[in-house]
Amino acid sequence: MSEKLKIISLGGLNEIGKNLTVYEYAGDIIIVDVGMGFPDDDMYGIDVVIPDVSYLIKNQSKIRGIFLTHGHEDHIGALPYVLRDVNAPIYATRMTAGLVKLKLEEHRLLDKTKITTCEAGDVVKAGKFAVEFIRVNHSIADAVAFAIKSPVGTVVHTGDFKIDPTPVQGGMIDLARLGELGNEGVLALLCDSTNVENPGYTRTERSVGASFDALFRGCEERIIITTFASNVDRLQQIIDVAARYGRKVAVTGRSMENAMRVSTELGYMKIPDGVLMDLAHIKSLPKDKVCIITTGSQGETMSALSRMAFSTHKQLDILPGDRIILSASAIPGNENAIGNVVNELYRKGAEVVNERNLPLHVSGHACQEELKIIHALVKPKFFIPVHGEQRMLQRHAKLAREMGMPGENIFISDIGRVIELTADSGKLGGTVTAGQVFVDGYGVGDVGSVVLRDRRHLAQDGMIVVVMAMSAEDGALVSGPDIITRGFVYVKESEGLMDELRQVAAEALTGLDDRGITDWAAIKGAVKGDLSNYLYKKTKRSPMILPVIMEV
């Protein structure tokens, strides 16, 4: 029986974020991207969500390398957590490697990890795989696609991309190489589905520069711009236009400062002499000579823009007349947070300019016509849509069918599902362990679905603690029951209800005493059950009830 190429997504399907794809052939495994996701609103206290990598831990000895397409968090963010359990060399382009080093340094993992820097055009041997780096355009410098050659055939993994004929820096996506691969024969294409619902083409990044020029021209007030920290080309355009109109630029926000540092050190940003200024000194300049670049385009609570809006920033306050430019689109789910910050900015008398007024943001992902170009060039035998929610994966499959791909050669997979390919056949196989792991503070995976369920319960209904002191000798009630509540009702205004609850708990204890039940677990269960029933009838609420027995 000849070996099959197995492709397993441990994240990035039926979701946006936590991208991680495993390629396995015989005794070799390579990993493409190790991304994180952001928590949903009901994941109380969770900082980030990462893929479950039990399968990789189990197969640690087979792993030949981790290959990264680009430096966005949804493609590199889980590395510090995954590398604690899975040790493998990392291969990435210069900008991506720079951001990864920063991240691993923070988690004290840099010394334990081998990072090899590659350029577009390089080919890396990894066991029975050979991985070729292919230049693509995206909203971060140095993004690449991969041509993964295996004994079964070549797989093209696009990563996040768009086709930008006039990028701010670096070359255009290497369509010629993708066409050559298509002519040589491509077994499968795994392609970004984020913007597949949008017809036409994604606008070029340069179009944003013209909007900035219009907003800087003739403006007498301070200009504060927020955008994604990793979009180096956007930052370059802001700095260029500020220099053109004689403004000094200051930067605030940790991720923005890090991105600027990495990109200038590596030569991806060219800052004219004397343009950058320290935040502490820029305040002394006239308003029309100031431009501040800040984090906070998604309304994040602790970001610099949010702190400015709510007057908790140590160095900056919003002044009436400030022109605030939001150069980013809302990531789905962040609309309310952004709305709160914008309302606060208006309350302080600032002028807020966003996408509704001018083209201030362009996506880094390909729209329908660009996706068709990739499909036409690569001419894959099999197609696997990735990087998208279910509706996007389905729409991308439809696009492939419209272009003549047979339906049976398209695999809409799910996380943990194994796709098995040979040179002339493909099928959806079994499953491996996959899912979400929650990171809360320093804890990785110690908060599971049970803890989250309790947190939701507490958030929705609050908590009641029933404290009883009982004799160790005969189990008689010595004092109590006392009722303590949190997040349920305000005790002073509900004295009557508290008395009733004490009464219900006391009656439950009397009933048990009459029946001669002295087992503490049974006592706790009875008190909890009686209180729960009474409260639901009385208030239609179901708080968490915790009986506590003290032995005296």
Protein backbone atom coordinates (compact mmCIF):
# COMPACT_ATOMS: atom_id res chain seq x y z
CA MET A 1 0.00 0.00 0.00
CA SER A 2 1.56 3.30 -1.06
CA GLU A 3 1.78 6.07 1.54
CA LYS A 4 -0.81 8.85 1.55
CA LEU A 5 -0.24 12.56 2.13
CA LYS A 6 -2.34 13.58 5.12
CA ILE A 7 -3.48 17.19 5.54
CA ILE A 8 -4.98 18.05 8.94
CA SER A 9 -6.18 21.52 9.99
CA LEU A 10 -6.02 21.96 13.77
CA GLY A 11 -7.45 25.48 13.45
CA GLY A 12 -8.57 28.05 10.87
CA LEU A 13 -11.61 26.18 9.55
CA ASN A 14 -15.15 27.37 10.41
CA GLU A 15 -13.50 30.29 12.18
CA ILE A 16 -11.27 33.27 11.50
CA GLY A 17 -8.04 32.83 13.44
CA LYS A 18 -5.87 30.19 15.13
CA ASN A 19 -4.61 28.89 11.80
CA LEU A 20 -2.56 25.70 12.03
CA THR A 21 -2.21 23.10 9.27
CA VAL A 22 -0.36 19.81 9.57
CA TYR A 23 1.14 17.99 6.55
CA GLU A 24 2.11 14.40 7.21
CA TYR A 25 3.76 11.84 4.93
CA ALA A 26 5.15 8.50 6.16
CA GLY A 27 7.21 9.38 9.25
CA ASP A 28 7.50 13.13 8.59
CA ILE A 29 5.35 16.07 9.69
CA ILE A 30 5.62 19.76 8.84
CA ILE A 31 3.44 22.46 10.37
CA VAL A 32 2.25 25.58 8.53
CA ASP A 33 1.42 28.50 10.88
CA VAL A 34 0.69 28.37 14.60
CA GLY A 35 -1.94 31.05 15.15
CA MET A 36 -4.16 32.16 17.99
CA GLY A 37 -7.78 33.29 18.07
CA PHE A 38 -9.56 35.91 20.16
CA PRO A 39 -12.13 34.92 22.80
CA ASP A 40 -15.89 35.30 22.25
CA ASP A 41 -17.83 37.68 24.49
CA ASP A 42 -19.05 34.83 26.70
CA MET A 43 -15.53 33.50 27.39
CA TYR A 44 -15.17 35.47 30.62
CA GLY A 45 -11.56 36.16 31.63
CA ILE A 46 -10.02 34.31 28.69
CA ASP A 47 -7.10 36.21 27.11
CA VAL A 48 -6.53 34.17 23.94
CA VAL A 49 -7.67 30.92 22.36
CA ILE A 50 -5.10 28.54 20.85
CA PRO A 51 -5.44 25.28 18.91
CA ASP A 52 -5.38 21.95 20.73
CA VAL A 53 -2.04 20.41 19.68
CA SER A 54 -2.35 17.03 21.45
CA TYR A 55 -1.80 15.35 18.07
CA LEU A 56 1.52 17.16 17.61
CA ILE A 57 2.68 16.41 21.15
CA LYS A 58 1.91 12.73 20.54
CA ASN A 59 3.87 12.81 17.23
CA GLN A 60 6.67 15.13 18.40
CA SER A 61 9.41 12.84 17.01
CA LYS A 62 8.03 13.16 13.45
CA ILE A 63 7.99 16.98 13.31
CA ARG A 64 10.62 18.35 10.90
CA GLY A 65 9.78 22.06 11.01
CA ILE A 66 7.29 24.89 11.51
CA PHE A 67 6.82 27.10 8.43
CA LEU A 68 5.24 30.54 8.86
CA THR A 69 3.45 32.39 6.05
CA HIS A 70 3.51 35.83 7.74
CA GLY A 71 3.67 37.63 11.07
CA HIS A 72 0.02 38.25 12.00
CA GLU A 73 -1.19 37.00 15.39
CA ASP A 74 -3.70 34.58 13.85
CA HIS A 75 -0.69 32.84 12.22
CA ILE A 76 2.09 33.15 14.84
CA GLY A 77 0.30 34.07 18.10
CA ALA A 78 0.13 30.57 19.61
CA LEU A 79 3.85 29.84 19.13
CA PRO A 80 4.91 30.72 22.72
CA TYR A 81 2.33 28.28 24.12
CA VAL A 82 2.79 25.49 21.59
CA LEU A 83 6.62 25.60 21.76
CA ARG A 84 6.44 24.69 25.47
CA ASP A 85 5.33 21.20 24.42
CA VAL A 86 6.45 20.90 20.79
CA ASN A 87 10.07 21.65 19.97
CA ALA A 88 10.75 22.19 16.26
CA PRO A 89 12.86 24.52 14.09
CA ILE A 90 11.03 27.55 12.67
CA TYR A 91 11.40 28.74 9.07
CA ALA A 92 10.15 32.25 8.25
CA THR A 93 10.93 35.37 6.22
CA ARG A 94 12.85 38.23 7.86
CA MET A 95 9.91 40.36 9.06
CA THR A 96 8.02 37.32 10.38
CA ALA A 97 11.16 35.99 12.10
CA GLY A 98 11.73 39.44 13.69
CA LEU A 99 8.23 39.49 15.19
CA VAL A 100 8.53 35.86 16.34
CA LYS A 101 11.85 36.59 18.09
CA LEU A 102 10.24 39.49 19.95
CA LYS A 103 7.39 37.22 21.07
CA LEU A 104 9.63 34.32 22.15
CA GLU A 105 11.98 36.68 23.99
CA GLU A 106 9.02 37.87 26.06
CA HIS A 107 8.19 34.25 26.99
CA ARG A 108 11.87 33.33 27.56
CA LEU A 109 11.80 30.73 24.81
CA LEU A 110 14.18 32.32 22.31
CA ASP A 111 17.28 30.40 23.42
CA LYS A 112 15.47 27.05 23.10
CA THR A 113 14.16 27.63 19.58
CA LYS A 114 16.06 27.53 16.29
CA ILE A 115 14.78 30.16 13.85
CA THR A 116 16.00 30.08 10.24
CA THR A 117 15.38 33.16 8.08
CA CYS A 118 14.36 32.51 4.47
CA GLU A 119 13.69 34.65 1.41
CA ALA A 120 11.04 34.26 -1.29
CA GLY A 121 12.46 31.74 -3.77
CA ASP A 122 14.24 29.65 -1.11
CA VAL A 123 13.52 25.93 -0.86
CA VAL A 124 13.86 24.17 2.50
CA LYS A 125 14.23 20.41 2.81
CA ALA A 126 12.28 18.97 5.76
CA GLY A 127 12.25 15.18 5.84
CA LYS A 128 10.44 13.93 2.74
CA PHE A 129 9.05 17.43 2.14
CA ALA A 130 10.61 20.33 0.24
CA VAL A 131 9.00 23.70 0.97
CA GLU A 132 9.38 26.59 -1.49
CA PHE A 133 8.73 30.18 -0.33
CA ILE A 134 6.68 32.23 -2.87
CA ARG A 135 6.19 36.00 -2.51
CA VAL A 136 2.60 37.25 -2.04
CA ASN A 137 1.03 40.62 -1.19
CA HIS A 138 -0.74 41.07 2.14
CA SER A 139 -1.27 43.75 4.82
CA ILE A 140 2.10 42.95 6.41
CA ALA A 141 5.56 42.90 4.84
CA ASP A 142 7.26 39.66 3.82
CA ALA A 143 4.18 37.45 3.46
CA VAL A 144 4.66 34.22 1.49
CA ALA A 145 2.76 31.26 0.10
CA PHE A 146 4.27 27.77 0.12
CA ALA A 147 4.69 25.15 -2.58
CA ILE A 148 5.00 21.97 -0.53
CA LYS A 149 6.52 19.15 -2.55
CA SER A 150 5.96 15.60 -1.31
CA PRO A 151 6.46 12.17 -2.97
CA VAL A 152 2.71 12.21 -3.76
CA GLY A 153 2.71 15.62 -5.47
CA THR A 154 2.90 19.38 -4.91
CA VAL A 155 0.47 21.26 -2.65
CA VAL A 156 0.15 25.06 -2.90
CA HIS A 157 -0.72 26.66 0.44
CA THR A 158 -1.46 30.36 -0.20
CA GLY A 159 -1.53 31.73 3.35
CA ASP A 160 -3.23 35.16 3.51
CA PHE A 161 -2.81 37.07 0.27
CA LYS A 162 -4.16 39.50 -2.29
CA ILE A 163 -2.93 40.55 -5.72
CA ASP A 164 -1.55 44.09 -5.48
CA PRO A 165 0.08 45.27 -8.75
CA THR A 166 1.33 48.50 -7.05
CA PRO A 167 2.50 47.54 -3.55
CA VAL A 168 4.04 50.26 -1.40
CA GLN A 169 7.28 48.25 -1.17
CA GLY A 170 8.55 44.84 -2.20
CA GLY A 171 7.45 43.17 -5.40
CA MET A 172 4.05 42.08 -6.64
CA ILE A 173 2.83 38.55 -5.79
CA ASP A 174 4.84 36.04 -7.86
CA LEU A 175 2.06 34.99 -10.22
CA ALA A 176 4.61 33.73 -12.75
CA ARG A 177 5.92 31.13 -10.27
CA LEU A 178 2.39 30.03 -9.39
CA GLY A 179 1.72 29.64 -13.13
CA GLU A 180 4.89 27.55 -13.58
CA LEU A 181 3.83 25.29 -10.71
CA GLY A 182 0.39 24.96 -12.32
CA ASN A 183 2.02 23.85 -15.59
CA GLU A 184 4.24 21.35 -13.77
CA GLY A 185 1.14 19.93 -12.05
CA VAL A 186 -0.34 20.75 -8.64
CA LEU A 187 -2.01 18.04 -6.59
CA ALA A 188 -3.96 20.32 -4.22
CA LEU A 189 -4.57 24.00 -3.48
CA LEU A 190 -5.30 25.26 0.04
CA CYS A 191 -6.49 28.83 -0.43
CA ASP A 192 -7.49 31.81 1.76
CA SER A 193 -11.31 32.25 1.82
CA THR A 194 -11.65 35.40 3.96
CA ASN A 195 -12.93 37.77 1.23
CA VAL A 196 -14.53 35.21 -1.09
CA GLU A 197 -17.97 36.79 -0.57
CA ASN A 198 -16.74 40.10 -2.04
CA PRO A 199 -16.92 40.47 -5.84
CA GLY A 200 -14.20 42.16 -7.90
CA TYR A 201 -10.67 42.97 -6.73
CA THR A 202 -9.21 44.25 -3.46
CA ARG A 203 -8.00 47.84 -3.78
CA THR A 204 -4.27 48.53 -3.76
CA GLU A 205 -2.65 49.69 -0.51
CA ARG A 206 -1.51 52.87 -2.32
CA SER A 207 -5.11 54.13 -2.55
CA VAL A 208 -5.02 54.77 1.21
CA GLY A 209 -2.06 57.16 0.75
CA ALA A 210 -4.21 59.49 -1.38
CA SER A 211 -6.85 59.63 1.39
CA PHE A 212 -4.20 60.48 3.98
CA ASP A 213 -2.91 63.28 1.74
CA ALA A 214 -6.41 64.78 1.51
CA LEU A 215 -6.84 64.69 5.30
CA PHE A 216 -3.42 66.21 6.08
CA ARG A 217 -3.68 68.94 3.44
CA GLY A 218 -4.76 72.23 5.05
CA CYS A 219 -5.47 70.68 8.47
CA GLU A 220 -4.65 73.10 11.31
CA GLU A 221 -5.32 70.63 14.17
CA ARG A 222 -3.42 67.71 15.67
CA ILE A 223 -3.78 64.51 13.69
CA ILE A 224 -4.03 61.18 15.52
CA ILE A 225 -4.13 58.01 13.40
CA THR A 226 -4.88 54.48 14.51
CA THR A 227 -4.25 51.41 12.37
CA PHE A 228 -3.08 47.80 12.70
CA ALA A 229 0.44 47.85 14.15
CA SER A 230 1.68 45.15 11.80
CA ASN A 231 0.73 47.02 8.60
CA VAL A 232 4.18 48.41 7.89
CA ASP A 233 3.22 49.78 4.46
CA ARG A 234 0.40 51.78 6.05
CA LEU A 235 2.74 53.16 8.72
CA GLN A 236 5.25 54.09 6.00
CA GLN A 237 2.56 56.00 4.10
CA ILE A 238 1.51 57.87 7.26
CA ILE A 239 5.12 58.87 7.99
CA ASP A 240 5.69 59.96 4.37
CA VAL A 241 2.59 62.15 4.26
CA ALA A 242 3.37 63.65 7.71
CA ALA A 243 6.91 64.53 6.52
CA ARG A 244 5.45 66.04 3.33
CA TYR A 245 3.29 68.43 5.39
CA GLY A 246 6.00 69.28 7.93
CA ARG A 247 4.57 67.31 10.84
CA LYS A 248 6.59 65.45 13.45
CA VAL A 249 5.46 61.90 14.26
CA ALA A 250 5.20 60.26 17.69
CA VAL A 251 4.17 56.67 18.34
CA THR A 252 2.19 55.32 21.31
CA GLY A 253 1.12 51.78 22.15
CA ARG A 254 3.38 48.79 22.83
CA SER A 255 2.57 46.71 19.73
CA MET A 256 3.00 49.80 17.52
CA GLU A 257 6.39 50.59 19.05
CA ASN A 258 7.50 46.95 18.62
CA ALA A 259 6.38 46.81 14.98
CA MET A 260 8.16 50.10 14.20
CA ARG A 261 11.33 48.87 15.87
CA VAL A 262 11.42 45.52 14.04
CA SER A 263 10.54 46.99 10.64
CA THR A 264 13.08 49.85 10.83
CA GLU A 265 15.85 47.52 12.07
CA LEU A 266 15.18 45.18 9.14
CA GLY A 267 14.93 48.01 6.62
CA TYR A 268 11.22 47.60 5.81
CA MET A 269 10.54 51.18 6.89
CA LYS A 270 12.49 54.23 5.92
CA ILE A 271 11.94 57.14 8.27
CA PRO A 272 13.24 60.53 7.09
CA ASP A 273 15.70 62.16 9.51
CA GLY A 274 14.13 64.27 12.24
CA VAL A 275 10.54 63.16 11.63
CA LEU A 276 10.16 60.77 14.59
CA MET A 277 9.86 62.44 17.98
CA ASP A 278 9.40 61.27 21.53
CA LEU A 279 5.83 61.51 22.82
CA ALA A 280 6.98 63.60 25.80
CA HIS A 281 8.49 66.29 23.51
CA ILE A 282 5.88 66.44 20.76
CA LYS A 283 3.34 68.11 23.06
CA SER A 284 5.33 71.37 22.99
CA LEU A 285 4.90 71.72 19.20
CA PRO A 286 2.10 73.72 17.51
CA LYS A 287 -0.99 71.59 16.71
CA ASP A 288 -0.46 71.69 12.96
CA LYS A 289 3.02 70.21 13.35
CA VAL A 290 1.90 67.07 15.22
CA CYS A 291 0.96 63.58 14.03
CA ILE A 292 0.48 60.74 16.53
CA ILE A 293 0.25 57.09 15.44
CA THR A 294 -1.50 54.93 18.02
CA THR A 295 -2.81 51.43 18.70
CA GLY A 296 -6.51 50.88 19.40
CA SER A 297 -8.16 50.54 15.99
CA GLN A 298 -10.38 47.74 17.41
CA GLY A 299 -11.48 49.63 20.54
CA GLU A 300 -9.32 47.44 22.82
CA THR A 301 -9.79 48.52 26.45
CA MET A 302 -6.11 48.93 27.31
CA SER A 303 -4.97 50.36 23.95
CA ALA A 304 -3.48 53.85 23.72
CA LEU A 305 -6.43 55.36 21.81
CA SER A 306 -8.93 53.98 24.31
CA ARG A 307 -6.88 55.35 27.21
CA MET A 308 -6.73 58.76 25.51
CA ALA A 309 -10.49 58.75 24.91
CA PHE A 310 -11.26 57.89 28.55
CA SER A 311 -8.53 60.20 29.97
CA THR A 312 -6.39 57.45 31.50
CA HIS A 313 -3.36 57.90 29.18
CA LYS A 314 -0.37 59.13 31.20
CA GLN A 315 0.97 61.47 28.50
CA LEU A 316 -1.83 62.43 26.13
CA ASP A 317 -5.33 63.84 26.33
CA ILE A 318 -7.78 64.35 23.49
CA LEU A 319 -8.19 68.06 22.74
CA PRO A 320 -11.25 69.66 21.10
CA GLY A 321 -10.64 69.87 17.32
CA ASP A 322 -8.24 66.88 17.18
CA ARG A 323 -8.63 65.03 13.89
CA ILE A 324 -8.72 61.30 14.64
CA ILE A 325 -8.33 58.98 11.64
CA LEU A 326 -9.43 55.35 12.01
CA SER A 327 -7.46 53.56 9.30
CA ALA A 328 -8.82 50.04 9.87
CA SER A 329 -12.04 48.14 9.46
CA ALA A 330 -13.79 46.55 12.42
CA ILE A 331 -12.99 42.90 12.99
CA PRO A 332 -16.41 41.21 13.37
CA GLY A 333 -17.42 41.32 17.04
CA ASN A 334 -15.47 44.50 17.85
CA GLU A 335 -18.11 46.98 16.58
CA ASN A 336 -19.45 47.85 20.07
CA ALA A 337 -16.01 48.41 21.58
CA ILE A 338 -15.04 50.70 18.67
CA GLY A 339 -18.39 52.53 18.95
CA ASN A 340 -17.78 53.23 22.65
CA VAL A 341 -14.36 54.74 21.96
CA VAL A 342 -15.66 56.83 19.01
CA ASN A 343 -18.54 58.20 21.12
CA GLU A 344 -16.09 59.19 23.85
CA LEU A 345 -13.84 60.93 21.27
CA TYR A 346 -16.83 62.93 19.99
CA ARG A 347 -17.75 63.81 23.58
CA LYS A 348 -14.27 65.36 23.95
CA GLY A 349 -14.85 67.51 20.86
CA ALA A 350 -12.65 65.57 18.44
CA GLU A 351 -13.41 65.04 14.75
CA VAL A 352 -13.43 61.32 13.86
CA VAL A 353 -12.83 60.25 10.26
CA ASN A 354 -13.37 56.63 9.26
CA GLU A 355 -14.02 54.43 6.22
CA ARG A 356 -17.48 55.91 5.70
CA ASN A 357 -15.92 59.27 4.85
CA LEU A 358 -12.90 58.20 2.75
CA PRO A 359 -11.15 55.00 1.61
CA LEU A 360 -8.92 54.73 4.70
CA HIS A 361 -8.44 50.99 4.81
CA VAL A 362 -7.97 48.22 2.29
CA SER A 363 -8.15 44.54 3.05
CA GLY A 364 -5.15 42.23 2.83
CA HIS A 365 -7.27 39.40 1.44
CA ALA A 366 -8.17 38.52 -2.14
CA CYS A 367 -11.69 39.08 -3.51
CA GLN A 368 -13.44 36.80 -6.01
CA GLU A 369 -11.65 37.86 -9.21
CA GLU A 370 -8.20 37.50 -7.60
CA LEU A 371 -9.12 34.06 -6.25
CA LYS A 372 -10.19 33.05 -9.77
CA ILE A 373 -6.77 34.13 -11.11
CA ILE A 374 -5.02 31.91 -8.54
CA HIS A 375 -7.27 28.93 -9.34
CA ALA A 376 -6.69 29.44 -13.08
CA LEU A 377 -2.90 29.65 -12.67
CA VAL A 378 -2.43 26.79 -10.20
CA LYS A 379 -4.86 24.37 -11.91
CA PRO A 380 -5.02 22.00 -8.90
CA LYS A 381 -6.43 18.48 -9.08
CA PHE A 382 -7.97 18.87 -5.60
CA PHE A 383 -9.14 21.99 -3.79
CA ILE A 384 -9.42 22.59 -0.03
CA PRO A 385 -10.81 26.01 0.98
CA VAL A 386 -9.26 27.22 4.27
CA HIS A 387 -9.12 30.33 6.48
CA GLY A 388 -12.80 31.12 6.80
CA GLU A 389 -16.13 30.48 8.46
CA GLN A 390 -18.47 27.83 7.02
CA ARG A 391 -20.27 30.22 4.65
CA MET A 392 -16.91 31.39 3.23
CA LEU A 393 -15.63 27.85 2.72
CA GLN A 394 -18.90 26.92 0.95
CA ARG A 395 -18.78 30.04 -1.24
CA HIS A 396 -15.15 29.31 -2.18
CA ALA A 397 -16.09 25.73 -3.10
CA LYS A 398 -18.85 27.15 -5.33
CA LEU A 399 -16.32 29.50 -7.00
CA ALA A 400 -14.07 26.50 -7.74
CA ARG A 401 -17.02 24.58 -9.23
CA GLU A 402 -17.91 27.59 -11.39
CA MET A 403 -14.36 27.40 -12.75
CA GLY A 404 -14.81 23.77 -13.76
CA MET A 405 -13.47 21.90 -10.73
CA PRO A 406 -15.42 18.63 -10.22
CA GLY A 407 -17.41 18.73 -6.96
CA GLU A 408 -15.97 15.40 -5.77
CA ASN A 409 -12.44 16.93 -5.90
CA ILE A 410 -13.34 19.69 -3.41
CA PHE A 411 -13.01 18.98 0.31
CA ILE A 412 -14.66 21.25 2.87
CA SER A 413 -12.99 19.95 5.99
CA ASP A 414 -13.29 20.67 9.70
CA ILE A 415 -10.69 21.03 12.41
CA GLY A 416 -9.26 17.65 13.35
CA ARG A 417 -10.46 16.00 10.14
CA VAL A 418 -7.83 14.16 8.10
CA ILE A 419 -7.72 14.65 4.32
CA GLU A 420 -5.89 11.79 2.61
CA LEU A 421 -4.37 12.36 -0.83
CA THR A 422 -2.55 10.09 -3.26
CA ALA A 423 -1.32 11.09 -6.73
CA ASP A 424 -4.77 10.45 -8.21
CA SER A 425 -7.24 10.11 -5.35
CA GLY A 426 -8.43 12.09 -2.39
CA LYS A 427 -10.86 11.51 0.46
CA LEU A 428 -11.92 12.78 3.86
CA GLY A 429 -10.58 10.30 6.40
CA GLY A 430 -10.96 10.00 10.18
CA THR A 431 -10.32 12.58 12.87
CA VAL A 432 -7.59 13.46 15.35
CA THR A 433 -7.91 15.33 18.66
CA ALA A 434 -8.59 19.00 17.92
CA GLY A 435 -10.38 21.96 19.47
CA GLN A 436 -9.79 25.06 21.55
CA VAL A 437 -7.41 25.57 24.46
CA PHE A 438 -8.01 28.65 26.59
CA VAL A 439 -5.20 30.86 27.89
CA ASP A 440 -6.04 32.80 31.06
CA GLY A 441 -3.11 34.73 32.52
CA TYR A 442 -0.25 32.24 32.96
CA GLY A 443 -2.61 29.27 32.81
CA VAL A 444 -2.75 27.36 29.52
CA GLY A 445 -5.58 24.85 29.26
CA ASP A 446 -6.46 24.87 32.97
CA VAL A 447 -9.70 26.69 32.21
CA GLY A 448 -11.99 24.25 30.40
CA SER A 449 -15.65 24.19 29.43
CA VAL A 450 -16.76 23.41 33.04
CA VAL A 451 -14.95 26.48 34.45
CA LEU A 452 -16.33 28.64 31.62
CA ARG A 453 -19.83 27.33 32.32
CA ASP A 454 -19.43 28.34 35.98
CA ARG A 455 -18.17 31.78 34.97
CA ARG A 456 -21.20 32.28 32.70
CA HIS A 457 -23.48 31.11 35.50
CA LEU A 458 -21.90 33.57 37.95
CA ALA A 459 -22.06 36.40 35.40
CA GLN A 460 -25.73 35.77 34.64
CA ASP A 461 -27.20 34.93 38.06
CA GLY A 462 -24.66 35.63 40.79
CA MET A 463 -23.88 33.47 43.80
CA ILE A 464 -25.28 32.60 47.24
CA VAL A 465 -23.11 31.07 49.98
CA VAL A 466 -24.90 29.32 52.88
CA VAL A 467 -22.64 29.04 55.93
CA MET A 468 -23.54 26.59 58.73
CA ALA A 469 -21.55 25.64 61.87
CA MET A 470 -22.29 22.08 63.02
CA SER A 471 -21.18 20.07 66.01
CA ALA A 472 -18.53 17.46 65.29
CA GLU A 473 -19.97 15.21 68.01
CA ASP A 474 -23.64 14.90 67.13
CA GLY A 475 -24.07 16.93 63.92
CA ALA A 476 -26.35 19.47 65.65
CA LEU A 477 -26.55 22.96 64.19
CA VAL A 478 -24.43 25.27 66.37
CA SER A 479 -24.93 28.53 64.46
CA GLY A 480 -26.40 29.77 61.19
CA PRO A 481 -27.41 29.19 58.56
CA ASP A 482 -25.98 32.55 57.42
CA ILE A 483 -26.54 33.79 53.86
CA ILE A 484 -23.87 35.68 51.88
CA THR A 485 -24.66 36.83 48.32
CA ARG A 486 -22.56 38.23 45.48
CA GLY A 487 -24.03 39.53 42.22
CA PHE A 488 -27.52 38.34 43.19
CA VAL A 489 -29.37 41.08 45.10
CA TYR A 490 -28.30 44.05 47.21
CA VAL A 491 -28.65 42.61 50.71
CA LYS A 492 -29.77 45.79 52.53
CA GLU A 493 -32.73 46.19 50.20
CA SER A 494 -33.66 42.50 50.40
CA GLU A 495 -33.61 41.79 54.12
CA GLY A 496 -36.96 40.00 53.84
CA LEU A 497 -35.71 37.63 51.15
CA MET A 498 -32.54 36.90 53.15
CA ASP A 499 -34.66 35.97 56.21
CA GLU A 500 -36.80 33.69 54.05
CA LEU A 501 -33.70 31.98 52.65
CA ARG A 502 -32.33 31.41 56.16
CA GLN A 503 -35.69 29.92 57.10
CA VAL A 504 -35.70 27.58 54.04
CA ALA A 505 -32.15 26.40 54.80
CA ALA A 506 -33.01 25.84 58.51
CA GLU A 507 -36.12 23.82 57.55
CA ALA A 508 -34.05 21.67 55.18
CA LEU A 509 -31.66 20.92 58.07
CA THR A 510 -34.53 20.12 60.45
CA GLY A 511 -36.03 17.71 57.91
CA LEU A 512 -32.70 15.88 57.60
CA ASP A 513 -32.30 15.78 61.39
CA ASP A 514 -35.73 14.18 61.77
CA ARG A 515 -34.71 11.45 59.35
CA GLY A 516 -31.36 10.96 61.12
CA ILE A 517 -29.24 11.97 58.09
CA THR A 518 -25.81 13.21 59.18
CA ASP A 519 -23.78 12.75 55.97
CA TRP A 520 -22.41 16.18 55.09
CA ALA A 521 -22.62 15.68 51.33
CA ALA A 522 -26.35 14.84 51.74
CA ILE A 523 -26.84 17.87 53.98
CA LYS A 524 -25.21 20.19 51.43
CA GLY A 525 -27.25 18.63 48.59
CA ALA A 526 -30.55 19.06 50.45
CA VAL A 527 -29.86 22.69 51.42
CA LYS A 528 -28.79 23.51 47.87
CA GLY A 529 -31.84 21.79 46.31
CA ASP A 530 -34.41 23.41 48.63
CA LEU A 531 -32.90 26.89 48.25
CA SER A 532 -32.67 26.51 44.48
CA ASN A 533 -36.34 25.50 44.13
CA TYR A 534 -37.52 28.26 46.46
CA LEU A 535 -35.48 30.95 44.70
CA TYR A 536 -36.66 29.96 41.26
CA LYS A 537 -40.32 30.06 42.32
CA LYS A 538 -39.82 33.36 44.13
CA THR A 539 -37.48 35.26 41.75
CA LYS A 540 -37.24 33.21 38.49
CA ARG A 541 -33.44 33.26 38.98
CA SER A 542 -30.97 30.40 39.40
CA PRO A 543 -27.87 31.70 41.19
CA MET A 544 -24.97 29.41 41.99
CA ILE A 545 -25.53 28.06 45.52
CA LEU A 546 -22.53 27.00 47.63
CA PRO A 547 -23.33 25.44 51.03
CA VAL A 548 -20.36 25.60 53.44
CA ILE A 549 -20.31 23.51 56.64
CA MET A 550 -17.87 24.37 59.42
CA GLU A 551 -17.13 21.68 61.96
CA VAL A 552 -16.95 22.95 65.56
